[in-house]
Amino acid sequence: MNFTILHQLVDKRGKLISKGAYSKRTKAITHRVWHHSLTKKDLGGSDAASFAGYHVNTLGWPGIGYTFVIEPKNVINTPNGKRARIVYTNDIDRRTYHVGIAISSL
C-alpha cells in the first residue's frame, strides 16, 4: 500500500522548524525502527511541531528526528472512521538522527 494516500496523513516535510538538513541514505533500508515519544496524548507538546522544536532548539539537531509522527490527540475523520493524524516530517531517504542512532546500536 502506498502510505501517501492515507486520509489521515498530513505532509509537513519542509514546514517544521529546522536548522540544516539530514544526509541522504547511502545504503538500502534493511530494518524498520519504531520509536515512540512516551508522552501522554493530551499532554501539551505531544505533537510533531513540539518534537521538532525540542530536537532543533534543545538537542541542536538539524530537524525533527522522526520520519512520521502519530498524533493521537489530533483525530481526523476518514472514510474508514476516526484515525489519529499521521504527520510526514522527513523524506524516507533521509538518515535522521533517531534512525541513525537506533540502527547503529543494533
PDB file of N, CA and C in Angstrom:
ATOM      1  N   MET A   1       0.843  -1.198   0.000  1.00  0.00           N
ATOM      2  CA  MET A   1       0.000   0.000   0.000  1.00  0.00           C
ATOM      3  C   MET A   1       0.878   1.248   0.000  1.00  0.00           C
ATOM      4  N   ASN A   2       0.493   2.211  -0.741  1.00  0.00           N
ATOM      5  CA  ASN A   2       1.194   3.480  -0.795  1.00  0.00           C
ATOM      6  C   ASN A   2       0.689   4.355   0.367  1.00  0.00           C
ATOM      7  N   PHE A   3       1.543   4.606   1.351  1.00  0.00           N
ATOM      8  CA  PHE A   3       1.116   5.343   2.545  1.00  0.00           C
ATOM      9  C   PHE A   3       0.670   6.773   2.231  1.00  0.00           C
ATOM     10  N   THR A   4       1.116   7.337   1.125  1.00  0.00           N
ATOM     11  CA  THR A   4       0.773   8.733   0.833  1.00  0.00           C
ATOM     12  C   THR A   4      -0.702   8.939   0.518  1.00  0.00           C
ATOM     13  N   ILE A   5      -1.461   7.862   0.313  1.00  0.00           N
ATOM     14  CA  ILE A   5      -2.889   8.018   0.037  1.00  0.00           C
ATOM     15  C   ILE A   5      -3.738   7.925   1.304  1.00  0.00           C
ATOM     16  N   LEU A   6      -3.109   7.723   2.456  1.00  0.00           N
ATOM     17  CA  LEU A   6      -3.863   7.663   3.707  1.00  0.00           C
ATOM     18  C   LEU A   6      -4.538   9.008   3.976  1.00  0.00           C
ATOM     19  N   HIS A   7      -5.799   8.974   4.304  1.00  0.00           N
ATOM     20  CA  HIS A   7      -6.567  10.201   4.533  1.00  0.00           C
ATOM     21  C   HIS A   7      -6.084  10.972   5.759  1.00  0.00           C
ATOM     22  N   GLN A   8      -5.496  10.275   6.722  1.00  0.00           N
ATOM     23  CA  GLN A   8      -5.049  10.936   7.950  1.00  0.00           C
ATOM     24  C   GLN A   8      -3.608  11.445   7.863  1.00  0.00           C
ATOM     25  N   LEU A   9      -2.970  11.284   6.699  1.00  0.00           N
ATOM     26  CA  LEU A   9      -1.595  11.736   6.523  1.00  0.00           C
ATOM     27  C   LEU A   9      -1.559  13.225   6.188  1.00  0.00           C
ATOM     28  N   VAL A  10      -0.718  13.961   6.923  1.00  0.00           N
ATOM     29  CA  VAL A  10      -0.520  15.386   6.685  1.00  0.00           C
ATOM     30  C   VAL A  10       0.965  15.582   6.373  1.00  0.00           C
ATOM     31  N   ASP A  11       1.256  16.126   5.225  1.00  0.00           N
ATOM     32  CA  ASP A  11       2.639  16.309   4.794  1.00  0.00           C
ATOM     33  C   ASP A  11       3.183  17.622   5.355  1.00  0.00           C
ATOM     34  N   LYS A  12       4.125  17.514   6.290  1.00  0.00           N
ATOM     35  CA  LYS A  12       4.766  18.693   6.879  1.00  0.00           C
ATOM     36  C   LYS A  12       6.255  18.734   6.547  1.00  0.00           C
ATOM     37  N   ARG A  13       6.677  17.964   5.541  1.00  0.00           N
ATOM     38  CA  ARG A  13       8.091  17.990   5.152  1.00  0.00           C
ATOM     39  C   ARG A  13       8.451  19.397   4.707  1.00  0.00           C
ATOM     40  N   GLY A  14       9.520  19.933   5.282  1.00  0.00           N
ATOM     41  CA  GLY A  14       9.977  21.274   4.939  1.00  0.00           C
ATOM     42  C   GLY A  14       9.176  22.381   5.591  1.00  0.00           C
ATOM     43  N   LYS A  15       8.212  22.050   6.442  1.00  0.00           N
ATOM     44  CA  LYS A  15       7.364  23.069   7.060  1.00  0.00           C
ATOM     45  C   LYS A  15       7.553  23.167   8.573  1.00  0.00           C
ATOM     46  N   LEU A  16       8.360  22.296   9.153  1.00  0.00           N
ATOM     47  CA  LEU A  16       8.633  22.345  10.588  1.00  0.00           C
ATOM     48  C   LEU A  16       9.960  23.058  10.823  1.00  0.00           C
ATOM     49  N   ILE A  17      10.175  23.535  12.028  1.00  0.00           N
ATOM     50  CA  ILE A  17      11.419  24.220  12.359  1.00  0.00           C
ATOM     51  C   ILE A  17      12.613  23.321  12.036  1.00  0.00           C
ATOM     52  N   SER A  18      13.658  23.919  11.483  1.00  0.00           N
ATOM     53  CA  SER A  18      14.886  23.182  11.192  1.00  0.00           C
ATOM     54  C   SER A  18      16.053  24.170  11.140  1.00  0.00           C
ATOM     55  N   LYS A  19      17.237  23.619  11.292  1.00  0.00           N
ATOM     56  CA  LYS A  19      18.472  24.411  11.176  1.00  0.00           C
ATOM     57  C   LYS A  19      19.499  23.576  10.432  1.00  0.00           C
ATOM     58  N   GLY A  20      19.131  23.158   9.255  1.00  0.00           N
ATOM     59  CA  GLY A  20      20.021  22.309   8.472  1.00  0.00           C
ATOM     60  C   GLY A  20      19.224  21.220   7.787  1.00  0.00           C
ATOM     61  N   ALA A  21      19.926  20.195   7.360  1.00  0.00           N
ATOM     62  CA  ALA A  21      19.293  19.088   6.656  1.00  0.00           C
ATOM     63  C   ALA A  21      19.973  17.780   7.028  1.00  0.00           C
ATOM     64  N   TYR A  22      19.226  16.709   6.947  1.00  0.00           N
ATOM     65  CA  TYR A  22      19.787  15.375   7.166  1.00  0.00           C
ATOM     66  C   TYR A  22      20.364  14.861   5.857  1.00  0.00           C
ATOM     67  N   SER A  23      21.400  14.048   5.974  1.00  0.00           N
ATOM     68  CA  SER A  23      22.027  13.495   4.774  1.00  0.00           C
ATOM     69  C   SER A  23      21.157  12.394   4.172  1.00  0.00           C
ATOM     70  N   LYS A  24      21.417  12.131   2.898  1.00  0.00           N
ATOM     71  CA  LYS A  24      20.724  11.060   2.203  1.00  0.00           C
ATOM     72  C   LYS A  24      21.305   9.726   2.628  1.00  0.00           C
ATOM     73  N   ARG A  25      20.472   8.722   2.637  1.00  0.00           N
ATOM     74  CA  ARG A  25      20.958   7.374   2.944  1.00  0.00           C
ATOM     75  C   ARG A  25      21.929   6.926   1.864  1.00  0.00           C
ATOM     76  N   THR A  26      22.939   6.168   2.270  1.00  0.00           N
ATOM     77  CA  THR A  26      23.890   5.630   1.311  1.00  0.00           C
ATOM     78  C   THR A  26      23.729   4.119   1.166  1.00  0.00           C
ATOM     79  N   LYS A  27      22.912   3.522   2.015  1.00  0.00           N
ATOM     80  CA  LYS A  27      22.672   2.075   1.979  1.00  0.00           C
ATOM     81  C   LYS A  27      21.173   1.829   1.897  1.00  0.00           C
ATOM     82  N   ALA A  28      20.821   0.672   1.404  1.00  0.00           N
ATOM     83  CA  ALA A  28      19.411   0.281   1.321  1.00  0.00           C
ATOM     84  C   ALA A  28      18.836   0.108   2.728  1.00  0.00           C
ATOM     85  N   ILE A  29      17.567   0.385   2.865  1.00  0.00           N
ATOM     86  CA  ILE A  29      16.888   0.177   4.145  1.00  0.00           C
ATOM     87  C   ILE A  29      16.688  -1.318   4.340  1.00  0.00           C
ATOM     88  N   THR A  30      17.203  -1.844   5.435  1.00  0.00           N
ATOM     89  CA  THR A  30      17.066  -3.272   5.736  1.00  0.00           C
ATOM     90  C   THR A  30      16.296  -3.518   7.026  1.00  0.00           C
ATOM     91  N   HIS A  31      16.105  -2.477   7.829  1.00  0.00           N
ATOM     92  CA  HIS A  31      15.390  -2.597   9.097  1.00  0.00           C
ATOM     93  C   HIS A  31      14.408  -1.440   9.231  1.00  0.00           C
ATOM     94  N   ARG A  32      13.362  -1.681   9.966  1.00  0.00           N
ATOM     95  CA  ARG A  32      12.457  -0.599  10.350  1.00  0.00           C
ATOM     96  C   ARG A  32      12.608  -0.408  11.844  1.00  0.00           C
ATOM     97  N   VAL A  33      12.657   0.830  12.252  1.00  0.00           N
ATOM     98  CA  VAL A  33      12.761   1.143  13.669  1.00  0.00           C
ATOM     99  C   VAL A  33      11.524   1.929  14.064  1.00  0.00           C
ATOM    100  N   TRP A  34      10.765   1.409  15.001  1.00  0.00           N
ATOM    101  CA  TRP A  34       9.585   2.106  15.520  1.00  0.00           C
ATOM    102  C   TRP A  34       9.977   2.694  16.858  1.00  0.00           C
ATOM    103  N   HIS A  35       9.839   3.967  16.967  1.00  0.00           N
ATOM    104  CA  HIS A  35      10.231   4.690  18.182  1.00  0.00           C
ATOM    105  C   HIS A  35       9.011   5.455  18.674  1.00  0.00           C
ATOM    106  N   HIS A  36       8.853   5.542  19.963  1.00  0.00           N
ATOM    107  CA  HIS A  36       7.742   6.334  20.481  1.00  0.00           C
ATOM    108  C   HIS A  36       8.261   7.340  21.495  1.00  0.00           C
ATOM    109  N   SER A  37       7.504   8.401  21.643  1.00  0.00           N
ATOM    110  CA  SER A  37       7.950   9.506  22.489  1.00  0.00           C
ATOM    111  C   SER A  37       7.683   9.268  23.965  1.00  0.00           C
ATOM    112  N   LEU A  38       6.799   8.340  24.277  1.00  0.00           N
ATOM    113  CA  LEU A  38       6.390   8.052  25.646  1.00  0.00           C
ATOM    114  C   LEU A  38       5.756   9.281  26.304  1.00  0.00           C
ATOM    115  N   THR A  39       5.078  10.081  25.509  1.00  0.00           N
ATOM    116  CA  THR A  39       4.348  11.218  26.055  1.00  0.00           C
ATOM    117  C   THR A  39       2.865  10.887  26.067  1.00  0.00           C
ATOM    118  N   LYS A  40       2.155  11.469  27.007  1.00  0.00           N
ATOM    119  CA  LYS A  40       0.711  11.263  27.078  1.00  0.00           C
ATOM    120  C   LYS A  40       0.043  12.043  25.958  1.00  0.00           C
ATOM    121  N   LYS A  41      -0.984  11.438  25.364  1.00  0.00           N
ATOM    122  CA  LYS A  41      -1.574  12.042  24.170  1.00  0.00           C
ATOM    123  C   LYS A  41      -2.179  13.414  24.418  1.00  0.00           C
ATOM    124  N   ASP A  42      -2.649  13.706  25.608  1.00  0.00           N
ATOM    125  CA  ASP A  42      -3.258  15.001  25.878  1.00  0.00           C
ATOM    126  C   ASP A  42      -2.281  16.002  26.489  1.00  0.00           C
ATOM    127  N   LEU A  43      -1.043  15.599  26.654  1.00  0.00           N
ATOM    128  CA  LEU A  43      -0.031  16.477  27.232  1.00  0.00           C
ATOM    129  C   LEU A  43       0.394  17.521  26.203  1.00  0.00           C
ATOM    130  N   GLY A  44       0.469  18.757  26.614  1.00  0.00           N
ATOM    131  CA  GLY A  44       0.960  19.792  25.708  1.00  0.00           C
ATOM    132  C   GLY A  44       2.350  19.435  25.204  1.00  0.00           C
ATOM    133  N   GLY A  45       2.596  19.643  23.946  1.00  0.00           N
ATOM    134  CA  GLY A  45       3.900  19.326  23.386  1.00  0.00           C
ATOM    135  C   GLY A  45       3.983  17.940  22.779  1.00  0.00           C
ATOM    136  N   SER A  46       2.887  17.209  22.782  1.00  0.00           N
ATOM    137  CA  SER A  46       2.877  15.860  22.204  1.00  0.00           C
ATOM    138  C   SER A  46       2.430  15.908  20.747  1.00  0.00           C
ATOM    139  N   ASP A  47       3.183  16.638  19.947  1.00  0.00           N
ATOM    140  CA  ASP A  47       2.854  16.752  18.527  1.00  0.00           C
ATOM    141  C   ASP A  47       4.131  16.995  17.728  1.00  0.00           C
ATOM    142  N   ALA A  48       4.028  16.874  16.428  1.00  0.00           N
ATOM    143  CA  ALA A  48       5.209  16.980  15.558  1.00  0.00           C
ATOM    144  C   ALA A  48       5.922  18.320  15.693  1.00  0.00           C
ATOM    145  N   ALA A  49       5.177  19.398  15.747  1.00  0.00           N
ATOM    146  CA  ALA A  49       5.801  20.724  15.831  1.00  0.00           C
ATOM    147  C   ALA A  49       6.603  20.870  17.125  1.00  0.00           C
ATOM    148  N   SER A  50       6.068  20.382  18.222  1.00  0.00           N
ATOM    149  CA  SER A  50       6.783  20.469  19.507  1.00  0.00           C
ATOM    150  C   SER A  50       8.010  19.566  19.527  1.00  0.00           C
ATOM    151  N   PHE A  51       7.874  18.362  18.971  1.00  0.00           N
ATOM    152  CA  PHE A  51       9.038  17.472  18.900  1.00  0.00           C
ATOM    153  C   PHE A  51      10.136  18.112  18.056  1.00  0.00           C
ATOM    154  N   ALA A  52       9.754  18.722  16.939  1.00  0.00           N
ATOM    155  CA  ALA A  52      10.732  19.391  16.075  1.00  0.00           C
ATOM    156  C   ALA A  52      11.436  20.512  16.836  1.00  0.00           C
ATOM    157  N   GLY A  53      10.674  21.322  17.556  1.00  0.00           N
ATOM    158  CA  GLY A  53      11.270  22.404  18.338  1.00  0.00           C
ATOM    159  C   GLY A  53      12.263  21.892  19.359  1.00  0.00           C
ATOM    160  N   TYR A  54      11.910  20.811  20.041  1.00  0.00           N
ATOM    161  CA  TYR A  54      12.804  20.215  21.040  1.00  0.00           C
ATOM    162  C   TYR A  54      14.071  19.674  20.377  1.00  0.00           C
ATOM    163  N   HIS A  55      13.913  18.932  19.293  1.00  0.00           N
ATOM    164  CA  HIS A  55      15.069  18.342  18.629  1.00  0.00           C
ATOM    165  C   HIS A  55      16.024  19.411  18.090  1.00  0.00           C
ATOM    166  N   VAL A  56      15.477  20.488  17.540  1.00  0.00           N
ATOM    167  CA  VAL A  56      16.312  21.548  16.955  1.00  0.00           C
ATOM    168  C   VAL A  56      16.862  22.481  18.036  1.00  0.00           C
ATOM    169  N   ASN A  57      16.000  23.023  18.869  1.00  0.00           N
ATOM    170  CA  ASN A  57      16.412  24.062  19.826  1.00  0.00           C
ATOM    171  C   ASN A  57      17.118  23.528  21.064  1.00  0.00           C
ATOM    172  N   THR A  58      16.752  22.354  21.535  1.00  0.00           N
ATOM    173  CA  THR A  58      17.354  21.812  22.753  1.00  0.00           C
ATOM    174  C   THR A  58      18.504  20.861  22.446  1.00  0.00           C
ATOM    175  N   LEU A  59      18.281  19.974  21.474  1.00  0.00           N
ATOM    176  CA  LEU A  59      19.304  18.976  21.166  1.00  0.00           C
ATOM    177  C   LEU A  59      20.292  19.432  20.095  1.00  0.00           C
ATOM    178  N   GLY A  60      19.948  20.495  19.355  1.00  0.00           N
ATOM    179  CA  GLY A  60      20.832  21.009  18.322  1.00  0.00           C
ATOM    180  C   GLY A  60      20.856  20.177  17.046  1.00  0.00           C
ATOM    181  N   TRP A  61      19.808  19.404  16.810  1.00  0.00           N
ATOM    182  CA  TRP A  61      19.729  18.575  15.607  1.00  0.00           C
ATOM    183  C   TRP A  61      19.326  19.434  14.412  1.00  0.00           C
ATOM    184  N   PRO A  62      19.544  18.936  13.187  1.00  0.00           N
ATOM    185  CA  PRO A  62      19.148  19.696  12.000  1.00  0.00           C
ATOM    186  C   PRO A  62      17.637  19.852  11.867  1.00  0.00           C
ATOM    187  N   GLY A  63      16.884  18.898  12.367  1.00  0.00           N
ATOM    188  CA  GLY A  63      15.425  18.932  12.271  1.00  0.00           C
ATOM    189  C   GLY A  63      14.831  17.853  13.144  1.00  0.00           C
ATOM    190  N   ILE A  64      13.536  17.663  13.026  1.00  0.00           N
ATOM    191  CA  ILE A  64      12.881  16.609  13.796  1.00  0.00           C
ATOM    192  C   ILE A  64      13.536  15.265  13.464  1.00  0.00           C
ATOM    193  N   GLY A  65      13.684  14.426  14.457  1.00  0.00           N
ATOM    194  CA  GLY A  65      14.397  13.162  14.284  1.00  0.00           C
ATOM    195  C   GLY A  65      13.559  12.005  13.795  1.00  0.00           C
ATOM    196  N   TYR A  66      12.304  12.240  13.473  1.00  0.00           N
ATOM    197  CA  TYR A  66      11.416  11.168  13.030  1.00  0.00           C
ATOM    198  C   TYR A  66      11.015  11.392  11.575  1.00  0.00           C
ATOM    199  N   THR A  67      10.599  10.326  10.917  1.00  0.00           N
ATOM    200  CA  THR A  67      10.036  10.439   9.578  1.00  0.00           C
ATOM    201  C   THR A  67       8.527  10.610   9.664  1.00  0.00           C
ATOM    202  N   PHE A  68       7.917   9.945  10.625  1.00  0.00           N
ATOM    203  CA  PHE A  68       6.478  10.051  10.850  1.00  0.00           C
ATOM    204  C   PHE A  68       6.213  10.308  12.320  1.00  0.00           C
ATOM    205  N   VAL A  69       5.187  11.075  12.610  1.00  0.00           N
ATOM    206  CA  VAL A  69       4.726  11.281  13.979  1.00  0.00           C
ATOM    207  C   VAL A  69       3.229  11.008  13.988  1.00  0.00           C
ATOM    208  N   ILE A  70       2.810  10.099  14.844  1.00  0.00           N
ATOM    209  CA  ILE A  70       1.385   9.833  15.018  1.00  0.00           C
ATOM    210  C   ILE A  70       0.900  10.707  16.162  1.00  0.00           C
ATOM    211  N   GLU A  71      -0.102  11.510  15.889  1.00  0.00           N
ATOM    212  CA  GLU A  71      -0.645  12.440  16.883  1.00  0.00           C
ATOM    213  C   GLU A  71      -2.038  11.977  17.319  1.00  0.00           C
ATOM    214  N   PRO A  72      -2.122  11.130  18.340  1.00  0.00           N
ATOM    215  CA  PRO A  72      -3.434  10.597  18.751  1.00  0.00           C
ATOM    216  C   PRO A  72      -4.396  11.654  19.277  1.00  0.00           C
ATOM    217  N   LYS A  73      -3.888  12.816  19.687  1.00  0.00           N
ATOM    218  CA  LYS A  73      -4.797  13.867  20.159  1.00  0.00           C
ATOM    219  C   LYS A  73      -5.456  14.597  18.994  1.00  0.00           C
ATOM    220  N   ASN A  74      -4.914  14.456  17.797  1.00  0.00           N
ATOM    221  CA  ASN A  74      -5.467  15.085  16.598  1.00  0.00           C
ATOM    222  C   ASN A  74      -6.131  14.013  15.743  1.00  0.00           C
ATOM    223  N   VAL A  75      -7.429  13.895  15.873  1.00  0.00           N
ATOM    224  CA  VAL A  75      -8.189  12.850  15.194  1.00  0.00           C
ATOM    225  C   VAL A  75      -8.818  13.408  13.928  1.00  0.00           C
ATOM    226  N   ILE A  76      -8.716  12.634  12.858  1.00  0.00           N
ATOM    227  CA  ILE A  76      -9.248  13.020  11.559  1.00  0.00           C
ATOM    228  C   ILE A  76     -10.320  12.024  11.150  1.00  0.00           C
ATOM    229  N   ASN A  77     -11.439  12.523  10.650  1.00  0.00           N
ATOM    230  CA  ASN A  77     -12.474  11.651  10.113  1.00  0.00           C
ATOM    231  C   ASN A  77     -12.046  11.176   8.741  1.00  0.00           C
ATOM    232  N   THR A  78     -12.030   9.867   8.537  1.00  0.00           N
ATOM    233  CA  THR A  78     -11.662   9.271   7.260  1.00  0.00           C
ATOM    234  C   THR A  78     -12.815   8.388   6.791  1.00  0.00           C
ATOM    235  N   PRO A  79     -12.781   7.924   5.556  1.00  0.00           N
ATOM    236  CA  PRO A  79     -13.823   7.003   5.094  1.00  0.00           C
ATOM    237  C   PRO A  79     -13.886   5.718   5.919  1.00  0.00           C
ATOM    238  N   ASN A  80     -12.805   5.399   6.613  1.00  0.00           N
ATOM    239  CA  ASN A  80     -12.753   4.196   7.454  1.00  0.00           C
ATOM    240  C   ASN A  80     -12.971   4.505   8.931  1.00  0.00           C
ATOM    241  N   GLY A  81     -13.492   5.675   9.243  1.00  0.00           N
ATOM    242  CA  GLY A  81     -13.719   6.070  10.629  1.00  0.00           C
ATOM    243  C   GLY A  81     -12.675   7.053  11.114  1.00  0.00           C
ATOM    244  N   LYS A  82     -12.705   7.319  12.405  1.00  0.00           N
ATOM    245  CA  LYS A  82     -11.769   8.271  13.001  1.00  0.00           C
ATOM    246  C   LYS A  82     -10.387   7.638  13.120  1.00  0.00           C
ATOM    247  N   ARG A  83      -9.383   8.426  12.760  1.00  0.00           N
ATOM    248  CA  ARG A  83      -7.994   7.961  12.812  1.00  0.00           C
ATOM    249  C   ARG A  83      -7.109   9.075  13.361  1.00  0.00           C
ATOM    250  N   ALA A  84      -6.060   8.680  14.069  1.00  0.00           N
ATOM    251  CA  ALA A  84      -5.076   9.651  14.547  1.00  0.00           C
ATOM    252  C   ALA A  84      -4.331  10.225  13.351  1.00  0.00           C
ATOM    253  N   ARG A  85      -4.048  11.512  13.427  1.00  0.00           N
ATOM    254  CA  ARG A  85      -3.302  12.173  12.352  1.00  0.00           C
ATOM    255  C   ARG A  85      -1.881  11.630  12.313  1.00  0.00           C
ATOM    256  N   ILE A  86      -1.389  11.385  11.115  1.00  0.00           N
ATOM    257  CA  ILE A  86      -0.007  10.962  10.900  1.00  0.00           C
ATOM    258  C   ILE A  86       0.692  12.107  10.172  1.00  0.00           C
ATOM    259  N   VAL A  87       1.738  12.621  10.775  1.00  0.00           N
ATOM    260  CA  VAL A  87       2.473  13.741  10.187  1.00  0.00           C
ATOM    261  C   VAL A  87       3.738  13.189   9.524  1.00  0.00           C
ATOM    262  N   TYR A  88       3.853  13.440   8.234  1.00  0.00           N
ATOM    263  CA  TYR A  88       5.010  13.039   7.435  1.00  0.00           C
ATOM    264  C   TYR A  88       6.019  14.176   7.549  1.00  0.00           C
ATOM    265  N   THR A  89       7.157  13.931   8.209  1.00  0.00           N
ATOM    266  CA  THR A  89       8.063  15.012   8.567  1.00  0.00           C
ATOM    267  C   THR A  89       9.380  15.049   7.797  1.00  0.00           C
ATOM    268  N   ASN A  90       9.863  13.909   7.357  1.00  0.00           N
ATOM    269  CA  ASN A  90      11.126  13.828   6.616  1.00  0.00           C
ATOM    270  C   ASN A  90      10.978  12.819   5.485  1.00  0.00           C
ATOM    271  N   ASP A  91      11.673  13.058   4.381  1.00  0.00           N
ATOM    272  CA  ASP A  91      11.691  12.073   3.310  1.00  0.00           C
ATOM    273  C   ASP A  91      12.267  10.764   3.836  1.00  0.00           C
ATOM    274  N   ILE A  92      11.746   9.666   3.333  1.00  0.00           N
ATOM    275  CA  ILE A  92      12.207   8.350   3.779  1.00  0.00           C
ATOM    276  C   ILE A  92      13.668   8.124   3.437  1.00  0.00           C
ATOM    277  N   ASP A  93      14.164   8.777   2.417  1.00  0.00           N
ATOM    278  CA  ASP A  93      15.555   8.568   2.023  1.00  0.00           C
ATOM    279  C   ASP A  93      16.557   9.369   2.862  1.00  0.00           C
ATOM    280  N   ARG A  94      16.087  10.007   3.925  1.00  0.00           N
ATOM    281  CA  ARG A  94      16.963  10.787   4.819  1.00  0.00           C
ATOM    282  C   ARG A  94      17.394   9.930   6.002  1.00  0.00           C
ATOM    283  N   ARG A  95      18.590  10.158   6.459  1.00  0.00           N
ATOM    284  CA  ARG A  95      19.139   9.441   7.609  1.00  0.00           C
ATOM    285  C   ARG A  95      18.986  10.339   8.838  1.00  0.00           C
ATOM    286  N   THR A  96      17.792  10.324   9.394  1.00  0.00           N
ATOM    287  CA  THR A  96      17.521  11.163  10.564  1.00  0.00           C
ATOM    288  C   THR A  96      18.252  10.612  11.781  1.00  0.00           C
ATOM    289  N   TYR A  97      18.453  11.451  12.770  1.00  0.00           N
ATOM    290  CA  TYR A  97      19.257  11.046  13.925  1.00  0.00           C
ATOM    291  C   TYR A  97      18.653   9.895  14.708  1.00  0.00           C
ATOM    292  N   HIS A  98      17.366   9.885  14.916  1.00  0.00           N
ATOM    293  CA  HIS A  98      16.786   8.770  15.676  1.00  0.00           C
ATOM    294  C   HIS A  98      17.037   7.443  14.982  1.00  0.00           C
ATOM    295  N   VAL A  99      16.836   7.393  13.692  1.00  0.00           N
ATOM    296  CA  VAL A  99      17.036   6.153  12.956  1.00  0.00           C
ATOM    297  C   VAL A  99      18.523   5.814  12.895  1.00  0.00           C
ATOM    298  N   GLY A 100      19.352   6.776  12.611  1.00  0.00           N
ATOM    299  CA  GLY A 100      20.787   6.520  12.527  1.00  0.00           C
ATOM    300  C   GLY A 100      21.344   5.995  13.838  1.00  0.00           C
ATOM    301  N   ILE A 101      20.909   6.560  14.944  1.00  0.00           N
ATOM    302  CA  ILE A 101      21.372   6.130  16.255  1.00  0.00           C
ATOM    303  C   ILE A 101      20.850   4.734  16.571  1.00  0.00           C
ATOM    304  N   ALA A 102      19.566   4.508  16.309  1.00  0.00           N
ATOM    305  CA  ALA A 102      18.957   3.219  16.628  1.00  0.00           C
ATOM    306  C   ALA A 102      19.586   2.089  15.820  1.00  0.00           C
ATOM    307  N   ILE A 103      19.792   2.306  14.538  1.00  0.00           N
ATOM    308  CA  ILE A 103      20.363   1.266  13.688  1.00  0.00           C
ATOM    309  C   ILE A 103      21.799   0.966  14.092  1.00  0.00           C
ATOM    310  N   SER A 104      22.571   1.990  14.386  1.00  0.00           N
ATOM    311  CA  SER A 104      23.979   1.761  14.706  1.00  0.00           C
ATOM    312  C   SER A 104      24.154   1.038  16.044  1.00  0.00           C
ATOM    313  N   SER A 105      23.121   1.047  16.880  1.00  0.00           N
ATOM    314  CA  SER A 105      23.261   0.393  18.188  1.00  0.00           C
ATOM    315  C   SER A 105      22.713  -1.024  18.186  1.00  0.00           C
ATOM    316  N   LEU A 106      22.181  -1.484  17.052  1.00  0.00           N
ATOM    317  CA  LEU A 106      21.649  -2.859  16.997  1.00  0.00           C
ATOM    318  C   LEU A 106      22.731  -3.887  17.064  1.00  0.00           C
TER     319      LEU A 106
END
